[in-house]
Amino acid sequence: MPLNMEDKKAVVAEVSAEVAQAQTMVLAEYRGIPVGELTTLRAQARANGVYLRVMKNTLARRAVQGTSFESLAGEMAGPLIYGISADPVASAKVLNDFSKTQAALVIKAGSYNGKVMDAAAVKALASIPGRNELIAMLLGVMQAPVSGMARVLAAVAEKKAKEAA
């Protein structure tokens, strides 16, 4: 069902609001993916804080006009799904992971930090650990000395207990 002018303005406004907060945008062709699989992709995207949208390319071009993602306008052709995220890695990771299980999803391009990326660059960005993973790694590094000290103290206490017995 075609959108009327008010609906189109609402879509552009909604996407523009998401783009204003975003650091990364990834475009992927979704031709041939069953609706059930797309529903799974949407759920994964929602869980990772990624705004996922299928829309007309002309509306997408209007939504990114005047932003750092405007350079992607030349890549907006064909049936595309747009992944937009404030986390620099999240949208690339969600779409790349899904493309590994569903060959019909083809990553076309992306943009990060105002620079257009090809499919290979998007896949490279997806291989970088996400924010939560990096925080977990940092906590592990910070806990290592404390847990090592606790093990040493426990071993000393155990040895003293054996000597006393």
N, C-alpha and C. Protein backbone atom coordinates (compact mmCIF):
# COMPACT_ATOMS: atom_id res chain seq x y z
N MET A 1 0.84 -1.17 0.00
CA MET A 1 0.00 0.00 0.00
C MET A 1 0.89 1.24 0.00
N PRO A 2 0.68 2.13 -0.96
CA PRO A 2 1.52 3.33 -1.05
C PRO A 2 1.28 4.26 0.14
N LEU A 3 2.33 4.98 0.51
CA LEU A 3 2.25 5.93 1.61
C LEU A 3 1.77 7.28 1.10
N ASN A 4 0.94 7.95 1.89
CA ASN A 4 0.55 9.31 1.51
C ASN A 4 1.64 10.27 1.98
N MET A 5 1.51 11.53 1.64
CA MET A 5 2.56 12.52 1.93
C MET A 5 2.83 12.63 3.44
N GLU A 6 1.80 12.59 4.26
CA GLU A 6 1.98 12.70 5.71
C GLU A 6 2.75 11.50 6.26
N ASP A 7 2.42 10.29 5.76
CA ASP A 7 3.12 9.09 6.19
C ASP A 7 4.60 9.15 5.80
N LYS A 8 4.87 9.65 4.60
CA LYS A 8 6.26 9.76 4.14
C LYS A 8 7.03 10.74 5.02
N LYS A 9 6.41 11.85 5.37
CA LYS A 9 7.07 12.83 6.24
C LYS A 9 7.35 12.23 7.62
N ALA A 10 6.41 11.42 8.10
CA ALA A 10 6.59 10.78 9.41
C ALA A 10 7.75 9.79 9.37
N VAL A 11 7.86 9.01 8.29
CA VAL A 11 8.96 8.04 8.15
C VAL A 11 10.29 8.78 8.10
N VAL A 12 10.37 9.83 7.29
CA VAL A 12 11.61 10.60 7.17
C VAL A 12 11.99 11.22 8.52
N ALA A 13 11.01 11.74 9.25
CA ALA A 13 11.29 12.33 10.56
C ALA A 13 11.79 11.29 11.55
N GLU A 14 11.16 10.11 11.55
CA GLU A 14 11.57 9.04 12.46
C GLU A 14 12.99 8.57 12.17
N VAL A 15 13.28 8.35 10.90
CA VAL A 15 14.62 7.87 10.52
C VAL A 15 15.65 8.97 10.75
N SER A 16 15.29 10.22 10.49
CA SER A 16 16.22 11.33 10.73
C SER A 16 16.59 11.42 12.20
N ALA A 17 15.62 11.19 13.08
CA ALA A 17 15.90 11.21 14.52
C ALA A 17 16.88 10.11 14.91
N GLU A 18 16.72 8.93 14.32
CA GLU A 18 17.65 7.82 14.60
C GLU A 18 19.04 8.12 14.06
N VAL A 19 19.08 8.67 12.84
CA VAL A 19 20.36 8.97 12.19
C VAL A 19 21.11 10.05 12.97
N ALA A 20 20.40 10.98 13.56
CA ALA A 20 21.04 12.06 14.32
C ALA A 20 21.83 11.53 15.52
N GLN A 21 21.40 10.41 16.08
CA GLN A 21 22.08 9.82 17.24
C GLN A 21 23.07 8.73 16.85
N ALA A 22 23.09 8.36 15.59
CA ALA A 22 23.86 7.19 15.14
C ALA A 22 25.31 7.50 14.85
N GLN A 23 26.14 6.45 14.99
CA GLN A 23 27.54 6.52 14.57
C GLN A 23 27.77 5.66 13.33
N THR A 24 26.92 4.64 13.15
CA THR A 24 27.12 3.69 12.05
C THR A 24 25.80 3.42 11.35
N MET A 25 25.88 3.28 10.02
CA MET A 25 24.74 2.86 9.22
C MET A 25 25.23 1.80 8.25
N VAL A 26 24.48 0.69 8.16
CA VAL A 26 24.85 -0.40 7.26
C VAL A 26 23.66 -0.67 6.35
N LEU A 27 23.96 -0.85 5.05
CA LEU A 27 22.92 -1.16 4.06
C LEU A 27 23.12 -2.60 3.59
N ALA A 28 22.03 -3.35 3.56
CA ALA A 28 22.11 -4.75 3.10
C ALA A 28 20.92 -5.06 2.21
N GLU A 29 21.16 -5.84 1.19
CA GLU A 29 20.09 -6.28 0.28
C GLU A 29 19.45 -7.52 0.88
N TYR A 30 18.13 -7.52 0.96
CA TYR A 30 17.42 -8.60 1.64
C TYR A 30 16.54 -9.43 0.71
N ARG A 31 16.72 -9.32 -0.58
CA ARG A 31 15.89 -10.01 -1.56
C ARG A 31 15.92 -11.53 -1.33
N GLY A 32 14.74 -12.14 -1.22
CA GLY A 32 14.64 -13.59 -1.10
C GLY A 32 14.64 -14.14 0.32
N ILE A 33 14.62 -13.29 1.31
CA ILE A 33 14.61 -13.76 2.70
C ILE A 33 13.17 -13.92 3.15
N PRO A 34 12.80 -15.08 3.69
CA PRO A 34 11.43 -15.27 4.17
C PRO A 34 11.09 -14.32 5.33
N VAL A 35 9.83 -13.99 5.47
CA VAL A 35 9.37 -13.05 6.49
C VAL A 35 9.75 -13.53 7.89
N GLY A 36 9.66 -14.82 8.15
CA GLY A 36 10.01 -15.36 9.46
C GLY A 36 11.46 -15.09 9.82
N GLU A 37 12.34 -15.20 8.83
CA GLU A 37 13.77 -14.93 9.05
C GLU A 37 14.00 -13.44 9.32
N LEU A 38 13.28 -12.58 8.60
CA LEU A 38 13.41 -11.14 8.84
C LEU A 38 12.93 -10.77 10.24
N THR A 39 11.91 -11.47 10.72
CA THR A 39 11.42 -11.24 12.07
C THR A 39 12.50 -11.60 13.09
N THR A 40 13.21 -12.69 12.84
CA THR A 40 14.32 -13.09 13.70
C THR A 40 15.42 -12.02 13.68
N LEU A 41 15.73 -11.52 12.50
CA LEU A 41 16.74 -10.47 12.37
C LEU A 41 16.33 -9.22 13.14
N ARG A 42 15.07 -8.84 13.03
CA ARG A 42 14.58 -7.66 13.75
C ARG A 42 14.72 -7.84 15.27
N ALA A 43 14.42 -9.04 15.74
CA ALA A 43 14.53 -9.32 17.19
C ALA A 43 15.99 -9.22 17.64
N GLN A 44 16.91 -9.76 16.84
CA GLN A 44 18.33 -9.67 17.17
C GLN A 44 18.79 -8.22 17.18
N ALA A 45 18.31 -7.46 16.20
CA ALA A 45 18.69 -6.05 16.11
C ALA A 45 18.18 -5.28 17.33
N ARG A 46 16.93 -5.51 17.69
CA ARG A 46 16.33 -4.84 18.84
C ARG A 46 17.12 -5.15 20.12
N ALA A 47 17.51 -6.41 20.27
CA ALA A 47 18.25 -6.84 21.46
C ALA A 47 19.63 -6.17 21.55
N ASN A 48 20.18 -5.79 20.40
CA ASN A 48 21.51 -5.18 20.37
C ASN A 48 21.48 -3.66 20.20
N GLY A 49 20.29 -3.06 20.30
CA GLY A 49 20.18 -1.61 20.19
C GLY A 49 20.35 -1.07 18.79
N VAL A 50 20.00 -1.88 17.80
CA VAL A 50 20.12 -1.47 16.40
C VAL A 50 18.73 -1.14 15.87
N TYR A 51 18.60 0.01 15.24
CA TYR A 51 17.36 0.41 14.58
C TYR A 51 17.41 -0.18 13.18
N LEU A 52 16.48 -1.06 12.88
CA LEU A 52 16.46 -1.77 11.59
C LEU A 52 15.20 -1.35 10.85
N ARG A 53 15.35 -0.97 9.58
CA ARG A 53 14.19 -0.46 8.84
C ARG A 53 14.31 -0.81 7.37
N VAL A 54 13.19 -1.25 6.78
CA VAL A 54 13.06 -1.39 5.34
C VAL A 54 12.23 -0.20 4.89
N MET A 55 12.75 0.56 3.93
CA MET A 55 12.01 1.73 3.44
C MET A 55 12.44 2.05 2.02
N LYS A 56 11.66 2.93 1.41
CA LYS A 56 12.01 3.37 0.06
C LYS A 56 13.32 4.14 0.11
N ASN A 57 14.13 3.92 -0.90
CA ASN A 57 15.45 4.55 -0.94
C ASN A 57 15.35 6.07 -1.03
N THR A 58 14.32 6.58 -1.71
CA THR A 58 14.17 8.04 -1.80
C THR A 58 13.92 8.64 -0.42
N LEU A 59 13.15 7.94 0.40
CA LEU A 59 12.90 8.42 1.76
C LEU A 59 14.18 8.34 2.60
N ALA A 60 14.95 7.29 2.40
CA ALA A 60 16.22 7.15 3.13
C ALA A 60 17.18 8.27 2.74
N ARG A 61 17.23 8.61 1.45
CA ARG A 61 18.10 9.70 1.01
C ARG A 61 17.70 11.02 1.67
N ARG A 62 16.41 11.25 1.77
CA ARG A 62 15.94 12.48 2.42
C ARG A 62 16.29 12.47 3.91
N ALA A 63 16.20 11.32 4.54
CA ALA A 63 16.46 11.22 5.98
C ALA A 63 17.93 11.48 6.31
N VAL A 64 18.84 11.10 5.43
CA VAL A 64 20.28 11.28 5.70
C VAL A 64 20.82 12.59 5.15
N GLN A 65 19.99 13.34 4.48
CA GLN A 65 20.42 14.60 3.88
C GLN A 65 20.92 15.56 4.97
N GLY A 66 22.11 16.08 4.76
CA GLY A 66 22.69 17.01 5.72
C GLY A 66 23.38 16.35 6.90
N THR A 67 23.54 15.03 6.89
CA THR A 67 24.21 14.31 7.98
C THR A 67 25.52 13.72 7.46
N SER A 68 26.25 13.08 8.35
CA SER A 68 27.51 12.44 7.95
C SER A 68 27.25 11.20 7.08
N PHE A 69 25.99 10.73 7.04
CA PHE A 69 25.66 9.56 6.24
C PHE A 69 25.19 9.92 4.82
N GLU A 70 25.19 11.19 4.50
CA GLU A 70 24.73 11.64 3.18
C GLU A 70 25.56 11.03 2.06
N SER A 71 26.82 10.73 2.32
CA SER A 71 27.69 10.15 1.30
C SER A 71 27.26 8.74 0.90
N LEU A 72 26.38 8.11 1.69
CA LEU A 72 25.86 6.78 1.35
C LEU A 72 24.76 6.82 0.30
N ALA A 73 24.26 7.99 -0.04
CA ALA A 73 23.12 8.12 -0.95
C ALA A 73 23.36 7.41 -2.29
N GLY A 74 24.58 7.41 -2.75
CA GLY A 74 24.90 6.75 -4.01
C GLY A 74 24.76 5.23 -3.96
N GLU A 75 24.83 4.67 -2.77
CA GLU A 75 24.71 3.21 -2.59
C GLU A 75 23.28 2.76 -2.39
N MET A 76 22.36 3.69 -2.24
CA MET A 76 20.97 3.36 -1.93
C MET A 76 20.19 3.03 -3.20
N ALA A 77 20.30 1.77 -3.62
CA ALA A 77 19.58 1.29 -4.79
C ALA A 77 19.21 -0.17 -4.58
N GLY A 78 18.01 -0.53 -4.98
CA GLY A 78 17.55 -1.90 -4.82
C GLY A 78 16.81 -2.09 -3.50
N PRO A 79 16.35 -3.29 -3.24
CA PRO A 79 15.63 -3.55 -1.98
C PRO A 79 16.60 -3.63 -0.81
N LEU A 80 16.61 -2.60 0.02
CA LEU A 80 17.60 -2.52 1.10
C LEU A 80 16.94 -2.51 2.47
N ILE A 81 17.69 -3.06 3.42
CA ILE A 81 17.34 -2.94 4.82
C ILE A 81 18.44 -2.10 5.44
N TYR A 82 18.04 -1.14 6.26
CA TYR A 82 18.98 -0.19 6.85
C TYR A 82 19.18 -0.51 8.32
N GLY A 83 20.42 -0.70 8.72
CA GLY A 83 20.76 -0.91 10.13
C GLY A 83 21.47 0.33 10.65
N ILE A 84 20.89 0.95 11.67
CA ILE A 84 21.41 2.21 12.20
C ILE A 84 21.65 2.02 13.70
N SER A 85 22.86 2.40 14.16
CA SER A 85 23.14 2.22 15.59
C SER A 85 24.05 3.31 16.14
N ALA A 86 23.83 3.62 17.42
CA ALA A 86 24.69 4.56 18.13
C ALA A 86 26.01 3.88 18.49
N ASP A 87 25.96 2.58 18.75
CA ASP A 87 27.17 1.79 19.00
C ASP A 87 27.89 1.63 17.65
N PRO A 88 29.16 1.98 17.56
CA PRO A 88 29.86 1.93 16.28
C PRO A 88 29.91 0.55 15.62
N VAL A 89 29.78 -0.50 16.41
CA VAL A 89 29.96 -1.85 15.87
C VAL A 89 28.64 -2.62 15.76
N ALA A 90 27.63 -2.27 16.51
CA ALA A 90 26.43 -3.08 16.65
C ALA A 90 25.71 -3.39 15.34
N SER A 91 25.44 -2.38 14.52
CA SER A 91 24.68 -2.65 13.29
C SER A 91 25.49 -3.53 12.33
N ALA A 92 26.78 -3.28 12.23
CA ALA A 92 27.62 -4.11 11.36
C ALA A 92 27.65 -5.55 11.86
N LYS A 93 27.77 -5.72 13.19
CA LYS A 93 27.85 -7.06 13.77
C LYS A 93 26.53 -7.83 13.58
N VAL A 94 25.39 -7.18 13.83
CA VAL A 94 24.10 -7.86 13.71
C VAL A 94 23.86 -8.31 12.27
N LEU A 95 24.06 -7.41 11.32
CA LEU A 95 23.80 -7.77 9.91
C LEU A 95 24.83 -8.77 9.39
N ASN A 96 26.09 -8.63 9.79
CA ASN A 96 27.11 -9.58 9.35
C ASN A 96 26.86 -10.97 9.90
N ASP A 97 26.52 -11.06 11.19
CA ASP A 97 26.23 -12.37 11.80
C ASP A 97 25.04 -13.03 11.13
N PHE A 98 24.01 -12.24 10.82
CA PHE A 98 22.83 -12.79 10.17
C PHE A 98 23.15 -13.25 8.74
N SER A 99 24.03 -12.52 8.06
CA SER A 99 24.38 -12.89 6.69
C SER A 99 25.16 -14.20 6.63
N LYS A 100 25.79 -14.58 7.75
CA LYS A 100 26.50 -15.86 7.80
C LYS A 100 25.53 -17.04 7.78
N THR A 101 24.35 -16.86 8.38
CA THR A 101 23.36 -17.94 8.42
C THR A 101 22.35 -17.84 7.29
N GLN A 102 22.20 -16.67 6.71
CA GLN A 102 21.22 -16.46 5.64
C GLN A 102 21.95 -15.84 4.45
N ALA A 103 22.28 -16.67 3.46
CA ALA A 103 23.07 -16.21 2.32
C ALA A 103 22.34 -15.17 1.47
N ALA A 104 21.02 -15.08 1.58
CA ALA A 104 20.27 -14.12 0.78
C ALA A 104 20.48 -12.69 1.25
N LEU A 105 20.95 -12.49 2.47
CA LEU A 105 21.24 -11.14 2.97
C LEU A 105 22.66 -10.78 2.53
N VAL A 106 22.75 -9.76 1.70
CA VAL A 106 24.04 -9.35 1.15
C VAL A 106 24.35 -7.93 1.63
N ILE A 107 25.42 -7.79 2.37
CA ILE A 107 25.83 -6.46 2.83
C ILE A 107 26.40 -5.70 1.64
N LYS A 108 25.86 -4.49 1.42
CA LYS A 108 26.29 -3.69 0.27
C LYS A 108 27.30 -2.62 0.66
N ALA A 109 27.00 -1.87 1.71
CA ALA A 109 27.88 -0.76 2.09
C ALA A 109 27.55 -0.33 3.51
N GLY A 110 28.32 0.62 3.99
CA GLY A 110 28.08 1.16 5.31
C GLY A 110 28.80 2.48 5.45
N SER A 111 28.56 3.13 6.56
CA SER A 111 29.23 4.38 6.84
C SER A 111 29.52 4.46 8.33
N TYR A 112 30.74 4.83 8.65
CA TYR A 112 31.14 5.03 10.04
C TYR A 112 32.02 6.26 10.08
N ASN A 113 31.74 7.15 11.00
CA ASN A 113 32.56 8.32 11.20
C ASN A 113 32.65 9.17 9.93
N GLY A 114 31.56 9.21 9.16
CA GLY A 114 31.51 10.03 7.96
C GLY A 114 32.18 9.42 6.74
N LYS A 115 32.68 8.21 6.87
CA LYS A 115 33.37 7.57 5.74
C LYS A 115 32.55 6.39 5.23
N VAL A 116 32.43 6.30 3.90
CA VAL A 116 31.71 5.20 3.28
C VAL A 116 32.59 3.96 3.30
N MET A 117 31.99 2.82 3.65
CA MET A 117 32.72 1.56 3.69
C MET A 117 32.09 0.59 2.69
N ASP A 118 32.93 -0.21 2.05
CA ASP A 118 32.39 -1.27 1.19
C ASP A 118 32.05 -2.48 2.06
N ALA A 119 31.56 -3.54 1.43
CA ALA A 119 31.12 -4.72 2.18
C ALA A 119 32.26 -5.33 3.00
N ALA A 120 33.48 -5.35 2.46
CA ALA A 120 34.61 -5.92 3.18
C ALA A 120 34.94 -5.09 4.42
N ALA A 121 34.85 -3.78 4.33
CA ALA A 121 35.12 -2.92 5.46
C ALA A 121 34.05 -3.07 6.54
N VAL A 122 32.80 -3.28 6.13
CA VAL A 122 31.72 -3.50 7.10
C VAL A 122 31.97 -4.80 7.85
N LYS A 123 32.40 -5.83 7.13
CA LYS A 123 32.69 -7.12 7.77
C LYS A 123 33.88 -6.99 8.73
N ALA A 124 34.87 -6.19 8.35
CA ALA A 124 36.00 -5.96 9.25
C ALA A 124 35.55 -5.21 10.50
N LEU A 125 34.67 -4.24 10.34
CA LEU A 125 34.13 -3.51 11.50
C LEU A 125 33.35 -4.45 12.40
N ALA A 126 32.63 -5.40 11.81
CA ALA A 126 31.83 -6.35 12.58
C ALA A 126 32.70 -7.29 13.42
N SER A 127 33.96 -7.47 13.01
CA SER A 127 34.84 -8.38 13.75
C SER A 127 35.43 -7.73 15.01
N ILE A 128 35.27 -6.42 15.14
CA ILE A 128 35.76 -5.72 16.33
C ILE A 128 34.81 -6.02 17.49
N PRO A 129 35.33 -6.27 18.67
CA PRO A 129 34.43 -6.53 19.81
C PRO A 129 33.55 -5.33 20.09
N GLY A 130 32.32 -5.59 20.49
CA GLY A 130 31.37 -4.54 20.81
C GLY A 130 31.66 -3.91 22.17
N ARG A 131 30.90 -2.90 22.51
CA ARG A 131 31.10 -2.15 23.75
C ARG A 131 31.01 -3.07 24.96
N ASN A 132 29.97 -3.91 25.02
CA ASN A 132 29.81 -4.79 26.18
C ASN A 132 30.94 -5.80 26.29
N GLU A 133 31.40 -6.31 25.16
CA GLU A 133 32.52 -7.25 25.17
C GLU A 133 33.79 -6.57 25.67
N LEU A 134 34.02 -5.33 25.23
CA LEU A 134 35.21 -4.60 25.66
C LEU A 134 35.16 -4.30 27.16
N ILE A 135 33.99 -3.96 27.67
CA ILE A 135 33.85 -3.72 29.11
C ILE A 135 34.15 -4.99 29.89
N ALA A 136 33.64 -6.13 29.39
CA ALA A 136 33.89 -7.41 30.06
C ALA A 136 35.39 -7.72 30.06
N MET A 137 36.07 -7.46 28.95
CA MET A 137 37.52 -7.69 28.89
C MET A 137 38.26 -6.79 29.88
N LEU A 138 37.85 -5.53 29.95
CA LEU A 138 38.48 -4.59 30.87
C LEU A 138 38.28 -5.03 32.31
N LEU A 139 37.08 -5.46 32.65
CA LEU A 139 36.83 -5.93 34.01
C LEU A 139 37.66 -7.17 34.33
N GLY A 140 37.82 -8.05 33.35
CA GLY A 140 38.66 -9.23 33.56
C GLY A 140 40.10 -8.86 33.85
N VAL A 141 40.61 -7.87 33.11
CA VAL A 141 41.98 -7.41 33.32
C VAL A 141 42.11 -6.75 34.69
N MET A 142 41.10 -5.99 35.09
CA MET A 142 41.15 -5.29 36.38
C MET A 142 41.02 -6.28 37.55
N GLN A 143 40.28 -7.37 37.36
CA GLN A 143 40.09 -8.34 38.43
C GLN A 143 41.25 -9.30 38.59
N ALA A 144 42.05 -9.47 37.56
CA ALA A 144 43.14 -10.47 37.59
C ALA A 144 44.08 -10.28 38.78
N PRO A 145 44.60 -9.10 39.06
CA PRO A 145 45.51 -8.97 40.21
C PRO A 145 44.81 -9.27 41.54
N VAL A 146 43.58 -8.85 41.68
CA VAL A 146 42.85 -9.08 42.93
C VAL A 146 42.59 -10.57 43.14
N SER A 147 42.15 -11.24 42.09
CA SER A 147 41.87 -12.68 42.23
C SER A 147 43.16 -13.46 42.43
N GLY A 148 44.25 -13.01 41.82
CA GLY A 148 45.54 -13.67 42.03
C GLY A 148 46.00 -13.53 43.48
N MET A 149 45.81 -12.36 44.03
CA MET A 149 46.17 -12.12 45.43
C MET A 149 45.31 -12.98 46.35
N ALA A 150 44.03 -13.09 46.06
CA ALA A 150 43.13 -13.91 46.88
C ALA A 150 43.56 -15.38 46.85
N ARG A 151 43.97 -15.88 45.68
CA ARG A 151 44.43 -17.27 45.58
C ARG A 151 45.70 -17.50 46.40
N VAL A 152 46.63 -16.53 46.35
CA VAL A 152 47.87 -16.64 47.12
C VAL A 152 47.57 -16.66 48.62
N LEU A 153 46.70 -15.76 49.06
CA LEU A 153 46.35 -15.71 50.48
C LEU A 153 45.65 -16.99 50.92
N ALA A 154 44.80 -17.54 50.08
CA ALA A 154 44.10 -18.79 50.41
C ALA A 154 45.10 -19.93 50.51
N ALA A 155 46.08 -19.97 49.61
CA ALA A 155 47.09 -21.03 49.65
C ALA A 155 47.94 -20.92 50.91
N VAL A 156 48.31 -19.71 51.30
CA VAL A 156 49.10 -19.50 52.51
C VAL A 156 48.30 -19.93 53.74
N ALA A 157 47.04 -19.56 53.79
CA ALA A 157 46.19 -19.93 54.93
C ALA A 157 46.02 -21.44 55.00
N GLU A 158 45.89 -22.09 53.84
CA GLU A 158 45.74 -23.55 53.81
C GLU A 158 47.02 -24.21 54.29
N LYS A 159 48.17 -23.69 53.88
CA LYS A 159 49.45 -24.26 54.31
C LYS A 159 49.65 -24.11 55.83
N LYS A 160 49.28 -22.95 56.36
CA LYS A 160 49.38 -22.72 57.81
C LYS A 160 48.46 -23.67 58.57
N ALA A 161 47.27 -23.92 58.02
CA ALA A 161 46.32 -24.82 58.66
C ALA A 161 46.88 -26.24 58.69
N LYS A 162 47.53 -26.68 57.61
CA LYS A 162 48.11 -28.01 57.55
C LYS A 162 49.26 -28.15 58.55
N GLU A 163 50.10 -27.08 58.65
CA GLU A 163 51.22 -27.12 59.59
C GLU A 163 50.76 -27.15 61.03
N ALA A 164 49.66 -26.48 61.32
CA ALA A 164 49.12 -26.44 62.69
C ALA A 164 48.51 -27.78 63.06
N ALA A 165 48.06 -28.53 62.07
CA ALA A 165 47.38 -29.81 62.38
C ALA A 165 48.34 -30.93 62.59
